[in-house]
Amino acid sequence: MSSFGIHKSWIILSLVIASMTMLFLASCVAMVYLQIHKDLKSVPLPWLFYFNTAILLASSYILHKVNVNTVSLISLRNNCKQVLLLSILFLILQSLAWYSLLSAAVTIQSDRMSAFLYFISGLHFIHVLGGIPFLFFFYLKIKKEYNHGHYKVDESNKLQFKILRTYWHFLDALWIFLIAFLTLLIMVF
């Protein structure tokens, strides 16, 4: 706990989310600036970008429905496993989406808008990839506790889960914002 009564993990997560928000917003502002002042063509989004949105919404729903005050350890473990698998599926499909862009001759060198599309979706990819080890180790921790006869979620697990859930919800909301933003750019320009 900090001197303000807030656990240090929440402070760290808040700083991470704030810095990620600034990075993505600055990138979006740069895209709009280039679109307006350089009259660049928009890059159509692969359909997998939209499908990935559904995958992330499903993972958010799985995490959202968990009530850590009443959930059993096995239920929490199963929910984490589902989100882990959905996150890995997201990464695989995102790679396939980039491949479809490359197959359509949309490369980083094509133009600045293509480069920004790869940059923004790549940044999101990296942040999902970076969250997977935390989710995986949490999954292993609660699996081990369950195998040792613990069936209730303790305070430490509740805190860890709430932090993971908040991070995942942020990534999901960020992806939805990015898809909406990129779709709007295509429609307007």
N, C-alpha and C. Protein backbone atom coordinates (compact mmCIF):
# COMPACT_ATOMS: atom_id res chain seq x y z
N MET A 1 0.83 -1.19 0.00
CA MET A 1 0.00 0.00 0.00
C MET A 1 0.87 1.25 0.00
N SER A 2 0.41 2.23 -0.74
CA SER A 2 1.09 3.52 -0.70
C SER A 2 0.55 4.31 0.49
N SER A 3 1.10 5.48 0.70
CA SER A 3 0.64 6.30 1.82
C SER A 3 -0.77 6.86 1.57
N PHE A 4 -1.27 6.71 0.35
CA PHE A 4 -2.62 7.18 0.02
C PHE A 4 -3.66 6.07 0.14
N GLY A 5 -3.25 4.90 0.58
CA GLY A 5 -4.18 3.79 0.73
C GLY A 5 -4.46 3.05 -0.56
N ILE A 6 -3.66 3.30 -1.58
CA ILE A 6 -3.81 2.63 -2.87
C ILE A 6 -2.64 1.67 -3.03
N HIS A 7 -2.93 0.46 -3.44
CA HIS A 7 -1.87 -0.53 -3.63
C HIS A 7 -0.94 -0.05 -4.75
N LYS A 8 0.35 -0.28 -4.58
CA LYS A 8 1.34 0.20 -5.56
C LYS A 8 1.10 -0.39 -6.94
N SER A 9 0.52 -1.58 -7.01
CA SER A 9 0.23 -2.19 -8.32
C SER A 9 -0.78 -1.36 -9.11
N TRP A 10 -1.75 -0.77 -8.41
CA TRP A 10 -2.73 0.09 -9.09
C TRP A 10 -2.07 1.36 -9.61
N ILE A 11 -1.13 1.89 -8.85
CA ILE A 11 -0.42 3.10 -9.28
C ILE A 11 0.41 2.80 -10.52
N ILE A 12 1.11 1.68 -10.51
CA ILE A 12 1.92 1.28 -11.67
C ILE A 12 1.02 1.08 -12.89
N LEU A 13 -0.08 0.35 -12.70
CA LEU A 13 -1.00 0.11 -13.82
C LEU A 13 -1.56 1.43 -14.36
N SER A 14 -1.89 2.35 -13.48
CA SER A 14 -2.41 3.65 -13.92
C SER A 14 -1.39 4.40 -14.76
N LEU A 15 -0.13 4.35 -14.35
CA LEU A 15 0.93 5.01 -15.12
C LEU A 15 1.13 4.33 -16.47
N VAL A 16 1.07 3.01 -16.49
CA VAL A 16 1.20 2.26 -17.75
C VAL A 16 0.07 2.64 -18.70
N ILE A 17 -1.15 2.63 -18.19
CA ILE A 17 -2.31 2.96 -19.03
C ILE A 17 -2.24 4.41 -19.51
N ALA A 18 -1.84 5.32 -18.64
CA ALA A 18 -1.73 6.73 -19.04
C ALA A 18 -0.68 6.91 -20.13
N SER A 19 0.46 6.26 -19.99
CA SER A 19 1.51 6.40 -21.01
C SER A 19 1.09 5.75 -22.33
N MET A 20 0.41 4.61 -22.25
CA MET A 20 -0.08 3.97 -23.48
C MET A 20 -1.12 4.84 -24.16
N THR A 21 -1.99 5.44 -23.38
CA THR A 21 -3.03 6.31 -23.94
C THR A 21 -2.39 7.49 -24.68
N MET A 22 -1.39 8.11 -24.06
CA MET A 22 -0.72 9.24 -24.70
C MET A 22 -0.02 8.81 -26.00
N LEU A 23 0.62 7.66 -25.98
CA LEU A 23 1.32 7.16 -27.16
C LEU A 23 0.35 6.92 -28.31
N PHE A 24 -0.76 6.25 -28.02
CA PHE A 24 -1.72 5.95 -29.08
C PHE A 24 -2.45 7.21 -29.56
N LEU A 25 -2.79 8.10 -28.65
CA LEU A 25 -3.44 9.34 -29.06
C LEU A 25 -2.52 10.20 -29.92
N ALA A 26 -1.25 10.27 -29.55
CA ALA A 26 -0.29 11.03 -30.36
C ALA A 26 -0.16 10.42 -31.75
N SER A 27 -0.17 9.11 -31.83
CA SER A 27 -0.10 8.44 -33.13
C SER A 27 -1.34 8.73 -33.97
N CYS A 28 -2.49 8.73 -33.33
CA CYS A 28 -3.74 9.02 -34.06
C CYS A 28 -3.76 10.47 -34.54
N VAL A 29 -3.31 11.39 -33.72
CA VAL A 29 -3.24 12.80 -34.12
C VAL A 29 -2.29 12.95 -35.30
N ALA A 30 -1.16 12.25 -35.26
CA ALA A 30 -0.21 12.31 -36.38
C ALA A 30 -0.83 11.76 -37.66
N MET A 31 -1.62 10.70 -37.54
CA MET A 31 -2.29 10.15 -38.72
C MET A 31 -3.27 11.16 -39.32
N VAL A 32 -4.05 11.80 -38.47
CA VAL A 32 -5.01 12.80 -38.96
C VAL A 32 -4.27 13.96 -39.61
N TYR A 33 -3.21 14.42 -38.98
CA TYR A 33 -2.41 15.52 -39.53
C TYR A 33 -1.90 15.17 -40.93
N LEU A 34 -1.32 13.98 -41.06
CA LEU A 34 -0.81 13.57 -42.36
C LEU A 34 -1.94 13.44 -43.38
N GLN A 35 -3.05 12.93 -42.94
CA GLN A 35 -4.19 12.75 -43.84
C GLN A 35 -4.68 14.10 -44.37
N ILE A 36 -4.72 15.09 -43.50
CA ILE A 36 -5.22 16.42 -43.89
C ILE A 36 -4.19 17.19 -44.71
N HIS A 37 -2.95 17.22 -44.24
CA HIS A 37 -1.94 18.09 -44.85
C HIS A 37 -1.16 17.43 -45.98
N LYS A 38 -1.11 16.15 -46.03
CA LYS A 38 -0.33 15.47 -47.07
C LYS A 38 -1.23 14.77 -48.09
N ASP A 39 -2.55 14.80 -47.84
CA ASP A 39 -3.53 14.20 -48.74
C ASP A 39 -3.15 12.76 -49.11
N LEU A 40 -2.91 11.97 -48.09
CA LEU A 40 -2.54 10.57 -48.32
C LEU A 40 -3.79 9.71 -48.45
N LYS A 41 -3.66 8.64 -49.19
CA LYS A 41 -4.80 7.74 -49.35
C LYS A 41 -4.96 6.87 -48.11
N SER A 42 -6.20 6.52 -47.82
CA SER A 42 -6.48 5.64 -46.69
C SER A 42 -6.18 4.19 -47.07
N VAL A 43 -5.87 3.42 -46.08
CA VAL A 43 -5.59 2.00 -46.29
C VAL A 43 -6.80 1.21 -45.80
N PRO A 44 -7.41 0.39 -46.67
CA PRO A 44 -8.56 -0.41 -46.21
C PRO A 44 -8.11 -1.44 -45.17
N LEU A 45 -8.94 -1.61 -44.16
CA LEU A 45 -8.61 -2.56 -43.10
C LEU A 45 -8.99 -3.97 -43.52
N PRO A 46 -8.14 -4.94 -43.23
CA PRO A 46 -8.51 -6.33 -43.50
C PRO A 46 -9.70 -6.73 -42.62
N TRP A 47 -10.54 -7.62 -43.09
CA TRP A 47 -11.71 -8.06 -42.32
C TRP A 47 -11.29 -8.70 -41.01
N LEU A 48 -10.07 -9.24 -40.95
CA LEU A 48 -9.60 -9.86 -39.70
C LEU A 48 -9.47 -8.84 -38.57
N PHE A 49 -9.24 -7.59 -38.90
CA PHE A 49 -9.20 -6.56 -37.86
C PHE A 49 -10.55 -6.50 -37.14
N TYR A 50 -11.62 -6.59 -37.92
CA TYR A 50 -12.97 -6.54 -37.33
C TYR A 50 -13.28 -7.83 -36.57
N PHE A 51 -12.85 -8.95 -37.12
CA PHE A 51 -13.06 -10.23 -36.45
C PHE A 51 -12.31 -10.26 -35.12
N ASN A 52 -11.11 -9.70 -35.12
CA ASN A 52 -10.32 -9.63 -33.88
C ASN A 52 -11.02 -8.79 -32.81
N THR A 53 -11.80 -7.82 -33.25
CA THR A 53 -12.57 -7.01 -32.30
C THR A 53 -13.55 -7.90 -31.55
N ALA A 54 -14.19 -8.81 -32.26
CA ALA A 54 -15.13 -9.75 -31.61
C ALA A 54 -14.40 -10.66 -30.62
N ILE A 55 -13.20 -11.08 -30.97
CA ILE A 55 -12.41 -11.93 -30.07
C ILE A 55 -12.08 -11.17 -28.79
N LEU A 56 -11.67 -9.92 -28.93
CA LEU A 56 -11.34 -9.13 -27.74
C LEU A 56 -12.58 -8.82 -26.91
N LEU A 57 -13.71 -8.59 -27.57
CA LEU A 57 -14.95 -8.38 -26.82
C LEU A 57 -15.33 -9.63 -26.03
N ALA A 58 -15.12 -10.79 -26.62
CA ALA A 58 -15.41 -12.05 -25.91
C ALA A 58 -14.51 -12.20 -24.70
N SER A 59 -13.23 -11.86 -24.85
CA SER A 59 -12.31 -11.97 -23.71
C SER A 59 -12.69 -10.98 -22.61
N SER A 60 -13.11 -9.79 -23.00
CA SER A 60 -13.54 -8.80 -22.01
C SER A 60 -14.79 -9.28 -21.28
N TYR A 61 -15.71 -9.88 -22.02
CA TYR A 61 -16.93 -10.39 -21.39
C TYR A 61 -16.60 -11.48 -20.38
N ILE A 62 -15.70 -12.38 -20.74
CA ILE A 62 -15.31 -13.47 -19.83
C ILE A 62 -14.72 -12.90 -18.55
N LEU A 63 -13.87 -11.89 -18.68
CA LEU A 63 -13.27 -11.28 -17.50
C LEU A 63 -14.28 -10.47 -16.70
N HIS A 64 -15.17 -9.79 -17.40
CA HIS A 64 -16.14 -8.92 -16.74
C HIS A 64 -17.13 -9.71 -15.88
N LYS A 65 -17.52 -10.89 -16.34
CA LYS A 65 -18.56 -11.64 -15.63
C LYS A 65 -18.04 -12.27 -14.33
N VAL A 66 -16.73 -12.26 -14.12
CA VAL A 66 -16.16 -12.85 -12.91
C VAL A 66 -16.35 -11.91 -11.72
N ASN A 67 -16.99 -12.41 -10.70
CA ASN A 67 -17.10 -11.69 -9.43
C ASN A 67 -16.08 -12.32 -8.49
N VAL A 68 -14.96 -11.63 -8.28
CA VAL A 68 -13.87 -12.23 -7.50
C VAL A 68 -14.24 -12.48 -6.05
N ASN A 69 -15.30 -11.87 -5.58
CA ASN A 69 -15.71 -12.09 -4.19
C ASN A 69 -16.47 -13.39 -4.01
N THR A 70 -17.04 -13.93 -5.09
CA THR A 70 -17.82 -15.16 -4.96
C THR A 70 -17.32 -16.30 -5.84
N VAL A 71 -16.40 -16.03 -6.73
CA VAL A 71 -15.95 -17.05 -7.68
C VAL A 71 -15.06 -18.09 -6.99
N SER A 72 -15.15 -19.32 -7.48
CA SER A 72 -14.27 -20.37 -6.97
C SER A 72 -12.94 -20.29 -7.72
N LEU A 73 -11.93 -20.89 -7.14
CA LEU A 73 -10.60 -20.87 -7.75
C LEU A 73 -10.61 -21.59 -9.09
N ILE A 74 -11.35 -22.70 -9.19
CA ILE A 74 -11.38 -23.44 -10.45
C ILE A 74 -12.08 -22.64 -11.54
N SER A 75 -13.11 -21.91 -11.17
CA SER A 75 -13.82 -21.07 -12.13
C SER A 75 -12.92 -19.93 -12.61
N LEU A 76 -12.20 -19.33 -11.69
CA LEU A 76 -11.26 -18.27 -12.05
C LEU A 76 -10.17 -18.81 -12.97
N ARG A 77 -9.67 -19.99 -12.64
CA ARG A 77 -8.65 -20.63 -13.47
C ARG A 77 -9.17 -20.86 -14.89
N ASN A 78 -10.38 -21.37 -15.00
CA ASN A 78 -10.96 -21.65 -16.32
C ASN A 78 -11.18 -20.37 -17.12
N ASN A 79 -11.63 -19.31 -16.45
CA ASN A 79 -11.82 -18.03 -17.13
C ASN A 79 -10.49 -17.47 -17.63
N CYS A 80 -9.46 -17.57 -16.81
CA CYS A 80 -8.14 -17.09 -17.23
C CYS A 80 -7.62 -17.90 -18.42
N LYS A 81 -7.86 -19.19 -18.39
CA LYS A 81 -7.44 -20.05 -19.49
C LYS A 81 -8.14 -19.66 -20.79
N GLN A 82 -9.44 -19.38 -20.71
CA GLN A 82 -10.19 -18.97 -21.89
C GLN A 82 -9.66 -17.65 -22.46
N VAL A 83 -9.38 -16.70 -21.58
CA VAL A 83 -8.87 -15.40 -22.03
C VAL A 83 -7.47 -15.56 -22.61
N LEU A 84 -6.68 -16.41 -22.01
CA LEU A 84 -5.33 -16.68 -22.52
C LEU A 84 -5.41 -17.24 -23.94
N LEU A 85 -6.28 -18.21 -24.16
CA LEU A 85 -6.43 -18.81 -25.48
C LEU A 85 -6.98 -17.80 -26.49
N LEU A 86 -7.95 -17.00 -26.08
CA LEU A 86 -8.48 -15.97 -26.98
C LEU A 86 -7.41 -14.93 -27.34
N SER A 87 -6.57 -14.60 -26.38
CA SER A 87 -5.50 -13.62 -26.63
C SER A 87 -4.48 -14.17 -27.62
N ILE A 88 -4.15 -15.43 -27.47
CA ILE A 88 -3.22 -16.06 -28.42
C ILE A 88 -3.85 -16.13 -29.80
N LEU A 89 -5.15 -16.45 -29.86
CA LEU A 89 -5.86 -16.45 -31.13
C LEU A 89 -5.84 -15.06 -31.76
N PHE A 90 -6.04 -14.03 -30.95
CA PHE A 90 -5.97 -12.66 -31.45
C PHE A 90 -4.62 -12.40 -32.10
N LEU A 91 -3.53 -12.79 -31.44
CA LEU A 91 -2.20 -12.55 -31.98
C LEU A 91 -1.98 -13.29 -33.30
N ILE A 92 -2.45 -14.52 -33.36
CA ILE A 92 -2.31 -15.31 -34.59
C ILE A 92 -3.09 -14.65 -35.73
N LEU A 93 -4.33 -14.28 -35.45
CA LEU A 93 -5.16 -13.67 -36.49
C LEU A 93 -4.65 -12.28 -36.88
N GLN A 94 -4.06 -11.58 -35.93
CA GLN A 94 -3.47 -10.27 -36.27
C GLN A 94 -2.29 -10.47 -37.22
N SER A 95 -1.51 -11.50 -36.99
CA SER A 95 -0.40 -11.82 -37.90
C SER A 95 -0.94 -12.15 -39.29
N LEU A 96 -2.04 -12.90 -39.35
CA LEU A 96 -2.66 -13.21 -40.64
C LEU A 96 -3.22 -11.96 -41.31
N ALA A 97 -3.72 -11.03 -40.52
CA ALA A 97 -4.23 -9.77 -41.08
C ALA A 97 -3.09 -8.99 -41.73
N TRP A 98 -1.94 -8.95 -41.06
CA TRP A 98 -0.78 -8.27 -41.66
C TRP A 98 -0.34 -8.99 -42.92
N TYR A 99 -0.40 -10.30 -42.91
CA TYR A 99 -0.03 -11.07 -44.10
C TYR A 99 -0.97 -10.72 -45.26
N SER A 100 -2.26 -10.56 -44.96
CA SER A 100 -3.21 -10.20 -46.03
C SER A 100 -2.90 -8.80 -46.56
N LEU A 101 -2.48 -7.90 -45.69
CA LEU A 101 -2.06 -6.57 -46.15
C LEU A 101 -0.84 -6.67 -47.06
N LEU A 102 0.13 -7.46 -46.64
CA LEU A 102 1.34 -7.64 -47.45
C LEU A 102 1.00 -8.27 -48.80
N SER A 103 0.07 -9.23 -48.79
CA SER A 103 -0.35 -9.88 -50.04
C SER A 103 -1.03 -8.89 -50.98
N ALA A 104 -1.65 -7.87 -50.42
CA ALA A 104 -2.30 -6.83 -51.23
C ALA A 104 -1.32 -5.69 -51.55
N ALA A 105 -0.04 -5.93 -51.35
CA ALA A 105 1.03 -4.96 -51.63
C ALA A 105 0.94 -3.71 -50.75
N VAL A 106 0.37 -3.86 -49.57
CA VAL A 106 0.35 -2.77 -48.60
C VAL A 106 1.48 -3.06 -47.61
N THR A 107 2.57 -2.34 -47.77
CA THR A 107 3.74 -2.56 -46.92
C THR A 107 4.05 -1.30 -46.13
N ILE A 108 4.99 -1.42 -45.25
CA ILE A 108 5.42 -0.25 -44.47
C ILE A 108 5.99 0.81 -45.40
N GLN A 109 6.63 0.38 -46.48
CA GLN A 109 7.23 1.31 -47.43
C GLN A 109 6.22 1.88 -48.44
N SER A 110 5.00 1.35 -48.46
CA SER A 110 4.01 1.81 -49.45
C SER A 110 3.77 3.31 -49.33
N ASP A 111 3.41 3.75 -48.16
CA ASP A 111 3.21 5.17 -47.88
C ASP A 111 3.12 5.36 -46.37
N ARG A 112 3.00 6.61 -45.97
CA ARG A 112 2.99 6.89 -44.52
C ARG A 112 1.77 6.31 -43.82
N MET A 113 0.62 6.32 -44.48
CA MET A 113 -0.59 5.79 -43.84
C MET A 113 -0.46 4.29 -43.62
N SER A 114 0.11 3.59 -44.56
CA SER A 114 0.34 2.15 -44.39
C SER A 114 1.30 1.91 -43.23
N ALA A 115 2.34 2.72 -43.17
CA ALA A 115 3.30 2.58 -42.08
C ALA A 115 2.63 2.83 -40.73
N PHE A 116 1.76 3.84 -40.66
CA PHE A 116 1.04 4.11 -39.42
C PHE A 116 0.10 2.97 -39.04
N LEU A 117 -0.55 2.38 -40.04
CA LEU A 117 -1.44 1.25 -39.77
C LEU A 117 -0.66 0.10 -39.14
N TYR A 118 0.49 -0.21 -39.71
CA TYR A 118 1.34 -1.26 -39.13
C TYR A 118 1.85 -0.85 -37.75
N PHE A 119 2.23 0.41 -37.62
CA PHE A 119 2.76 0.89 -36.35
C PHE A 119 1.73 0.79 -35.23
N ILE A 120 0.53 1.31 -35.48
CA ILE A 120 -0.50 1.32 -34.44
C ILE A 120 -0.97 -0.09 -34.11
N SER A 121 -1.23 -0.90 -35.13
CA SER A 121 -1.68 -2.27 -34.85
C SER A 121 -0.53 -3.09 -34.25
N GLY A 122 0.70 -2.78 -34.64
CA GLY A 122 1.85 -3.46 -34.06
C GLY A 122 2.07 -3.10 -32.60
N LEU A 123 1.86 -1.83 -32.26
CA LEU A 123 1.96 -1.42 -30.86
C LEU A 123 0.93 -2.15 -30.00
N HIS A 124 -0.28 -2.24 -30.51
CA HIS A 124 -1.32 -2.95 -29.76
C HIS A 124 -0.95 -4.42 -29.61
N PHE A 125 -0.45 -5.02 -30.69
CA PHE A 125 -0.01 -6.42 -30.68
C PHE A 125 1.04 -6.63 -29.58
N ILE A 126 2.01 -5.73 -29.52
CA ILE A 126 3.09 -5.84 -28.52
C ILE A 126 2.53 -5.74 -27.10
N HIS A 127 1.54 -4.87 -26.89
CA HIS A 127 0.98 -4.72 -25.55
C HIS A 127 0.14 -5.93 -25.15
N VAL A 128 -0.54 -6.55 -26.11
CA VAL A 128 -1.25 -7.81 -25.81
C VAL A 128 -0.22 -8.89 -25.52
N LEU A 129 0.79 -8.98 -26.37
CA LEU A 129 1.85 -9.98 -26.17
C LEU A 129 2.54 -9.78 -24.82
N GLY A 130 2.75 -8.54 -24.44
CA GLY A 130 3.38 -8.23 -23.15
C GLY A 130 2.51 -8.60 -21.96
N GLY A 131 1.20 -8.60 -22.13
CA GLY A 131 0.30 -8.95 -21.03
C GLY A 131 0.12 -10.45 -20.86
N ILE A 132 0.39 -11.21 -21.91
CA ILE A 132 0.17 -12.66 -21.85
C ILE A 132 1.01 -13.35 -20.78
N PRO A 133 2.30 -13.03 -20.62
CA PRO A 133 3.05 -13.71 -19.54
C PRO A 133 2.45 -13.47 -18.15
N PHE A 134 1.97 -12.27 -17.89
CA PHE A 134 1.35 -11.98 -16.58
C PHE A 134 0.09 -12.82 -16.39
N LEU A 135 -0.71 -12.91 -17.43
CA LEU A 135 -1.92 -13.73 -17.38
C LEU A 135 -1.57 -15.21 -17.23
N PHE A 136 -0.55 -15.65 -17.96
CA PHE A 136 -0.14 -17.05 -17.91
C PHE A 136 0.39 -17.42 -16.53
N PHE A 137 1.24 -16.58 -15.95
CA PHE A 137 1.78 -16.89 -14.63
C PHE A 137 0.70 -16.83 -13.55
N PHE A 138 -0.26 -15.93 -13.72
CA PHE A 138 -1.39 -15.91 -12.79
C PHE A 138 -2.20 -17.19 -12.92
N TYR A 139 -2.42 -17.62 -14.14
CA TYR A 139 -3.13 -18.88 -14.38
C TYR A 139 -2.40 -20.04 -13.72
N LEU A 140 -1.08 -20.11 -13.91
CA LEU A 140 -0.30 -21.20 -13.29
C LEU A 140 -0.35 -21.13 -11.77
N LYS A 141 -0.33 -19.93 -11.22
CA LYS A 141 -0.37 -19.75 -9.77
C LYS A 141 -1.67 -20.28 -9.19
N ILE A 142 -2.80 -19.91 -9.80
CA ILE A 142 -4.08 -20.37 -9.24
C ILE A 142 -4.31 -21.86 -9.53
N LYS A 143 -3.74 -22.34 -10.62
CA LYS A 143 -3.83 -23.78 -10.91
C LYS A 143 -3.06 -24.57 -9.85
N LYS A 144 -1.88 -24.08 -9.49
CA LYS A 144 -1.06 -24.73 -8.47
C LYS A 144 -1.77 -24.70 -7.11
N GLU A 145 -2.35 -23.55 -6.77
CA GLU A 145 -3.07 -23.44 -5.50
C GLU A 145 -4.24 -24.41 -5.46
N TYR A 146 -4.96 -24.52 -6.57
CA TYR A 146 -6.10 -25.45 -6.62
C TYR A 146 -5.62 -26.89 -6.46
N ASN A 147 -4.53 -27.21 -7.12
CA ASN A 147 -3.98 -28.57 -7.02
C ASN A 147 -3.48 -28.90 -5.62
N HIS A 148 -3.19 -27.87 -4.82
CA HIS A 148 -2.73 -28.07 -3.44
C HIS A 148 -3.89 -27.98 -2.44
N GLY A 149 -5.11 -28.02 -2.93
CA GLY A 149 -6.26 -28.08 -2.04
C GLY A 149 -6.88 -26.76 -1.64
N HIS A 150 -6.44 -25.67 -2.25
CA HIS A 150 -7.05 -24.37 -1.96
C HIS A 150 -8.16 -24.14 -2.98
N TYR A 151 -9.35 -23.82 -2.51
CA TYR A 151 -10.49 -23.69 -3.42
C TYR A 151 -11.10 -22.30 -3.42
N LYS A 152 -10.65 -21.45 -2.54
CA LYS A 152 -11.18 -20.08 -2.47
C LYS A 152 -10.13 -19.10 -2.98
N VAL A 153 -10.62 -18.01 -3.50
CA VAL A 153 -9.75 -16.97 -4.02
C VAL A 153 -9.33 -16.06 -2.86
N ASP A 154 -8.01 -15.99 -2.60
CA ASP A 154 -7.55 -15.14 -1.50
C ASP A 154 -7.38 -13.69 -1.97
N GLU A 155 -7.08 -12.82 -1.02
CA GLU A 155 -6.99 -11.38 -1.31
C GLU A 155 -5.91 -11.06 -2.35
N SER A 156 -4.79 -11.77 -2.28
CA SER A 156 -3.71 -11.54 -3.24
C SER A 156 -4.17 -11.88 -4.66
N ASN A 157 -4.87 -13.00 -4.79
CA ASN A 157 -5.38 -13.40 -6.11
C ASN A 157 -6.44 -12.43 -6.61
N LYS A 158 -7.27 -11.94 -5.69
CA LYS A 158 -8.30 -10.97 -6.08
C LYS A 158 -7.65 -9.71 -6.66
N LEU A 159 -6.62 -9.22 -5.97
CA LEU A 159 -5.93 -8.02 -6.43
C LEU A 159 -5.29 -8.26 -7.80
N GLN A 160 -4.57 -9.36 -7.92
CA GLN A 160 -3.91 -9.66 -9.19
C GLN A 160 -4.92 -9.77 -10.32
N PHE A 161 -6.02 -10.45 -10.05
CA PHE A 161 -7.03 -10.62 -11.09
C PHE A 161 -7.64 -9.28 -11.49
N LYS A 162 -7.94 -8.44 -10.52
CA LYS A 162 -8.53 -7.13 -10.82
C LYS A 162 -7.58 -6.28 -11.67
N ILE A 163 -6.29 -6.37 -11.38
CA ILE A 163 -5.31 -5.62 -12.16
C ILE A 163 -5.22 -6.17 -13.58
N LEU A 164 -5.15 -7.50 -13.70
CA LEU A 164 -5.13 -8.11 -15.03
C LEU A 164 -6.39 -7.77 -15.81
N ARG A 165 -7.53 -7.84 -15.16
CA ARG A 165 -8.80 -7.54 -15.82
C ARG A 165 -8.82 -6.09 -16.30
N THR A 166 -8.36 -5.18 -15.48
CA THR A 166 -8.33 -3.77 -15.87
C THR A 166 -7.42 -3.56 -17.08
N TYR A 167 -6.25 -4.17 -17.06
CA TYR A 167 -5.32 -4.06 -18.19
C TYR A 167 -5.95 -4.61 -19.46
N TRP A 168 -6.58 -5.78 -19.34
CA TRP A 168 -7.19 -6.41 -20.52
C TRP A 168 -8.36 -5.58 -21.04
N HIS A 169 -9.18 -5.05 -20.14
CA HIS A 169 -10.29 -4.18 -20.56
C HIS A 169 -9.74 -2.94 -21.28
N PHE A 170 -8.65 -2.40 -20.77
CA PHE A 170 -8.05 -1.24 -21.42
C PHE A 170 -7.59 -1.60 -22.83
N LEU A 171 -6.90 -2.74 -22.97
CA LEU A 171 -6.43 -3.15 -24.30
C LEU A 171 -7.60 -3.37 -25.25
N ASP A 172 -8.67 -3.94 -24.74
CA ASP A 172 -9.85 -4.18 -25.57
C ASP A 172 -10.49 -2.86 -25.99
N ALA A 173 -10.65 -1.95 -25.04
CA ALA A 173 -11.23 -0.64 -25.35
C ALA A 173 -10.34 0.13 -26.33
N LEU A 174 -9.04 0.00 -26.14
CA LEU A 174 -8.09 0.66 -27.04
C LEU A 174 -8.24 0.12 -28.46
N TRP A 175 -8.36 -1.20 -28.60
CA TRP A 175 -8.51 -1.80 -29.92
C TRP A 175 -9.81 -1.31 -30.58
N ILE A 176 -10.88 -1.27 -29.82
CA ILE A 176 -12.16 -0.81 -30.36
C ILE A 176 -12.04 0.65 -30.81
N PHE A 177 -11.38 1.47 -30.01
CA PHE A 177 -11.14 2.86 -30.40
C PHE A 177 -10.33 2.92 -31.69
N LEU A 178 -9.26 2.13 -31.78
CA LEU A 178 -8.41 2.15 -32.97
C LEU A 178 -9.17 1.72 -34.22
N ILE A 179 -9.97 0.67 -34.10
CA ILE A 179 -10.75 0.20 -35.25
C ILE A 179 -11.76 1.28 -35.66
N ALA A 180 -12.44 1.87 -34.69
CA ALA A 180 -13.40 2.94 -35.00
C ALA A 180 -12.68 4.13 -35.64
N PHE A 181 -11.53 4.50 -35.10
CA PHE A 181 -10.75 5.61 -35.62
C PHE A 181 -10.30 5.34 -37.05
N LEU A 182 -9.73 4.17 -37.29
CA LEU A 182 -9.24 3.83 -38.63
C LEU A 182 -10.39 3.72 -39.63
N THR A 183 -11.51 3.17 -39.20
CA THR A 183 -12.68 3.07 -40.08
C THR A 183 -13.20 4.46 -40.42
N LEU A 184 -13.23 5.34 -39.44
CA LEU A 184 -13.67 6.72 -39.67
C LEU A 184 -12.72 7.43 -40.63
N LEU A 185 -11.43 7.21 -40.47
CA LEU A 185 -10.46 7.81 -41.40
C LEU A 185 -10.72 7.36 -42.83
N ILE A 186 -11.02 6.08 -43.00
CA ILE A 186 -11.29 5.55 -44.33
C ILE A 186 -12.56 6.19 -44.91
N MET A 187 -13.57 6.35 -44.07
CA MET A 187 -14.85 6.91 -44.54
C MET A 187 -14.73 8.40 -44.86
N VAL A 188 -14.00 9.14 -44.05
CA VAL A 188 -13.90 10.59 -44.22
C VAL A 188 -12.92 10.97 -45.33
N PHE A 189 -11.82 10.27 -45.39
CA PHE A 189 -10.79 10.64 -46.37
C PHE A 189 -10.80 9.63 -47.48
